[in-house]
Amino acid sequence: MLLLRSLFFYIGMILALVIWAPFIIMAPILPYPQRYNLLIKWGHFSTWWLGKTCLLTYKLHGLEN
């Protein structure tokens, strides 16, 4: 089952990369706030997809987080 979840994760990441690649390539010409938001959204998607496919969870501890 773990192998199947990992396979779904990698398939999803490859498809997402095909969709996000044009935006990431254009990122250097965007203003900094838009570039930052674009890359943050990619990170959020990657973490969300990992949680959905591989059932990975995380919890942040500490006041600064």
N, C-alpha and C. Protein backbone atom coordinates (compact mmCIF):
# COMPACT_ATOMS: atom_id res chain seq x y z
N MET A 1 0.81 -1.19 0.00
CA MET A 1 0.00 0.00 0.00
C MET A 1 0.86 1.26 0.00
N LEU A 2 1.96 1.21 0.72
CA LEU A 2 2.87 2.35 0.79
C LEU A 2 3.45 2.67 -0.60
N LEU A 3 3.77 1.64 -1.35
CA LEU A 3 4.30 1.84 -2.70
C LEU A 3 3.26 2.52 -3.59
N LEU A 4 2.02 2.13 -3.47
CA LEU A 4 0.95 2.72 -4.27
C LEU A 4 0.73 4.18 -3.90
N ARG A 5 0.77 4.51 -2.62
CA ARG A 5 0.64 5.90 -2.19
C ARG A 5 1.78 6.75 -2.71
N SER A 6 2.99 6.21 -2.64
CA SER A 6 4.15 6.94 -3.15
C SER A 6 4.04 7.17 -4.65
N LEU A 7 3.54 6.17 -5.36
CA LEU A 7 3.36 6.32 -6.80
C LEU A 7 2.35 7.42 -7.11
N PHE A 8 1.22 7.45 -6.39
CA PHE A 8 0.24 8.52 -6.59
C PHE A 8 0.84 9.89 -6.28
N PHE A 9 1.66 9.95 -5.24
CA PHE A 9 2.30 11.22 -4.90
C PHE A 9 3.19 11.70 -6.04
N TYR A 10 4.03 10.83 -6.56
CA TYR A 10 4.93 11.23 -7.63
C TYR A 10 4.19 11.57 -8.92
N ILE A 11 3.15 10.85 -9.23
CA ILE A 11 2.35 11.18 -10.42
C ILE A 11 1.72 12.56 -10.26
N GLY A 12 1.16 12.82 -9.09
CA GLY A 12 0.56 14.13 -8.83
C GLY A 12 1.57 15.26 -8.88
N MET A 13 2.75 15.03 -8.36
CA MET A 13 3.78 16.07 -8.38
C MET A 13 4.27 16.35 -9.80
N ILE A 14 4.38 15.32 -10.61
CA ILE A 14 4.79 15.52 -12.00
C ILE A 14 3.73 16.30 -12.76
N LEU A 15 2.47 15.95 -12.57
CA LEU A 15 1.39 16.69 -13.23
C LEU A 15 1.34 18.13 -12.75
N ALA A 16 1.51 18.34 -11.46
CA ALA A 16 1.50 19.70 -10.92
C ALA A 16 2.69 20.50 -11.45
N LEU A 17 3.81 19.86 -11.61
CA LEU A 17 4.98 20.56 -12.13
C LEU A 17 4.76 21.00 -13.58
N VAL A 18 4.09 20.17 -14.36
CA VAL A 18 3.79 20.53 -15.74
C VAL A 18 2.88 21.77 -15.76
N ILE A 19 1.95 21.84 -14.81
CA ILE A 19 1.04 22.99 -14.75
C ILE A 19 1.76 24.23 -14.20
N TRP A 20 2.57 24.06 -13.16
CA TRP A 20 3.21 25.20 -12.50
C TRP A 20 4.47 25.70 -13.22
N ALA A 21 5.08 24.88 -14.05
CA ALA A 21 6.35 25.25 -14.66
C ALA A 21 6.30 26.58 -15.42
N PRO A 22 5.29 26.84 -16.25
CA PRO A 22 5.27 28.15 -16.93
C PRO A 22 5.22 29.33 -15.97
N PHE A 23 4.51 29.18 -14.86
CA PHE A 23 4.43 30.26 -13.88
C PHE A 23 5.77 30.45 -13.18
N ILE A 24 6.43 29.35 -12.87
CA ILE A 24 7.72 29.43 -12.19
C ILE A 24 8.78 30.01 -13.11
N ILE A 25 8.71 29.69 -14.39
CA ILE A 25 9.66 30.26 -15.36
C ILE A 25 9.46 31.76 -15.48
N MET A 26 8.20 32.22 -15.41
CA MET A 26 7.92 33.66 -15.51
C MET A 26 8.16 34.38 -14.19
N ALA A 27 8.42 33.69 -13.12
CA ALA A 27 8.56 34.30 -11.79
C ALA A 27 9.61 35.42 -11.72
N PRO A 28 10.76 35.31 -12.38
CA PRO A 28 11.74 36.39 -12.25
C PRO A 28 11.26 37.74 -12.80
N ILE A 29 10.29 37.75 -13.69
CA ILE A 29 9.82 39.04 -14.21
C ILE A 29 8.67 39.62 -13.39
N LEU A 30 8.18 38.86 -12.42
CA LEU A 30 7.09 39.34 -11.57
C LEU A 30 7.65 40.16 -10.41
N PRO A 31 6.83 41.08 -9.88
CA PRO A 31 7.26 41.78 -8.67
C PRO A 31 7.43 40.81 -7.50
N TYR A 32 8.23 41.21 -6.54
CA TYR A 32 8.56 40.32 -5.43
C TYR A 32 7.34 39.76 -4.71
N PRO A 33 6.32 40.54 -4.34
CA PRO A 33 5.18 39.96 -3.61
C PRO A 33 4.45 38.87 -4.41
N GLN A 34 4.30 39.05 -5.71
CA GLN A 34 3.64 38.02 -6.52
C GLN A 34 4.51 36.78 -6.64
N ARG A 35 5.80 36.98 -6.78
CA ARG A 35 6.74 35.85 -6.84
C ARG A 35 6.70 35.06 -5.54
N TYR A 36 6.70 35.76 -4.43
CA TYR A 36 6.67 35.12 -3.12
C TYR A 36 5.38 34.31 -2.96
N ASN A 37 4.25 34.91 -3.29
CA ASN A 37 2.97 34.20 -3.17
C ASN A 37 2.92 32.97 -4.06
N LEU A 38 3.45 33.07 -5.26
CA LEU A 38 3.47 31.94 -6.19
C LEU A 38 4.26 30.77 -5.62
N LEU A 39 5.42 31.06 -5.08
CA LEU A 39 6.25 29.98 -4.54
C LEU A 39 5.70 29.44 -3.22
N ILE A 40 5.07 30.29 -2.43
CA ILE A 40 4.44 29.81 -1.20
C ILE A 40 3.28 28.88 -1.53
N LYS A 41 2.51 29.21 -2.56
CA LYS A 41 1.39 28.35 -2.96
C LYS A 41 1.89 26.98 -3.43
N TRP A 42 3.03 26.96 -4.12
CA TRP A 42 3.61 25.68 -4.53
C TRP A 42 3.96 24.84 -3.31
N GLY A 43 4.56 25.47 -2.30
CA GLY A 43 4.90 24.76 -1.08
C GLY A 43 3.68 24.24 -0.35
N HIS A 44 2.63 25.05 -0.29
CA HIS A 44 1.39 24.61 0.36
C HIS A 44 0.76 23.44 -0.40
N PHE A 45 0.77 23.53 -1.72
CA PHE A 45 0.22 22.43 -2.50
C PHE A 45 1.01 21.15 -2.27
N SER A 46 2.34 21.25 -2.29
CA SER A 46 3.17 20.05 -2.10
C SER A 46 2.91 19.40 -0.75
N THR A 47 2.80 20.20 0.29
CA THR A 47 2.53 19.67 1.62
C THR A 47 1.13 19.07 1.69
N TRP A 48 0.15 19.74 1.10
CA TRP A 48 -1.22 19.23 1.09
C TRP A 48 -1.29 17.90 0.34
N TRP A 49 -0.65 17.83 -0.83
CA TRP A 49 -0.69 16.62 -1.64
C TRP A 49 0.01 15.47 -0.92
N LEU A 50 1.09 15.74 -0.25
CA LEU A 50 1.79 14.72 0.52
C LEU A 50 0.90 14.19 1.64
N GLY A 51 0.14 15.08 2.28
CA GLY A 51 -0.76 14.65 3.33
C GLY A 51 -1.91 13.81 2.80
N LYS A 52 -2.44 14.16 1.64
CA LYS A 52 -3.56 13.42 1.07
C LYS A 52 -3.15 12.06 0.52
N THR A 53 -2.01 11.99 -0.13
CA THR A 53 -1.62 10.72 -0.76
C THR A 53 -0.90 9.78 0.20
N CYS A 54 0.01 10.30 1.00
CA CYS A 54 0.82 9.43 1.86
C CYS A 54 0.37 9.48 3.32
N LEU A 55 -0.69 10.23 3.60
CA LEU A 55 -1.24 10.34 4.95
C LEU A 55 -0.21 10.86 5.95
N LEU A 56 0.62 11.76 5.51
CA LEU A 56 1.64 12.36 6.37
C LEU A 56 1.05 13.58 7.05
N THR A 57 1.25 13.71 8.34
CA THR A 57 0.80 14.87 9.08
C THR A 57 1.98 15.48 9.82
N TYR A 58 1.83 16.73 10.21
CA TYR A 58 2.88 17.40 10.96
C TYR A 58 2.24 18.38 11.92
N LYS A 59 2.97 18.72 12.95
CA LYS A 59 2.48 19.68 13.94
C LYS A 59 3.66 20.55 14.34
N LEU A 60 3.44 21.85 14.34
CA LEU A 60 4.47 22.79 14.74
C LEU A 60 4.34 23.09 16.22
N HIS A 61 5.45 23.14 16.91
CA HIS A 61 5.48 23.44 18.34
C HIS A 61 6.28 24.69 18.54
N GLY A 62 5.93 25.45 19.53
CA GLY A 62 6.71 26.61 19.89
C GLY A 62 5.96 27.90 19.61
N LEU A 63 6.29 28.91 20.36
CA LEU A 63 5.61 30.20 20.25
C LEU A 63 5.92 30.90 18.94
N GLU A 64 7.13 30.77 18.42
CA GLU A 64 7.53 31.45 17.19
C GLU A 64 6.86 30.87 15.95
N ASN A 65 6.31 29.66 16.03
CA ASN A 65 5.68 29.04 14.88
C ASN A 65 4.20 29.38 14.86
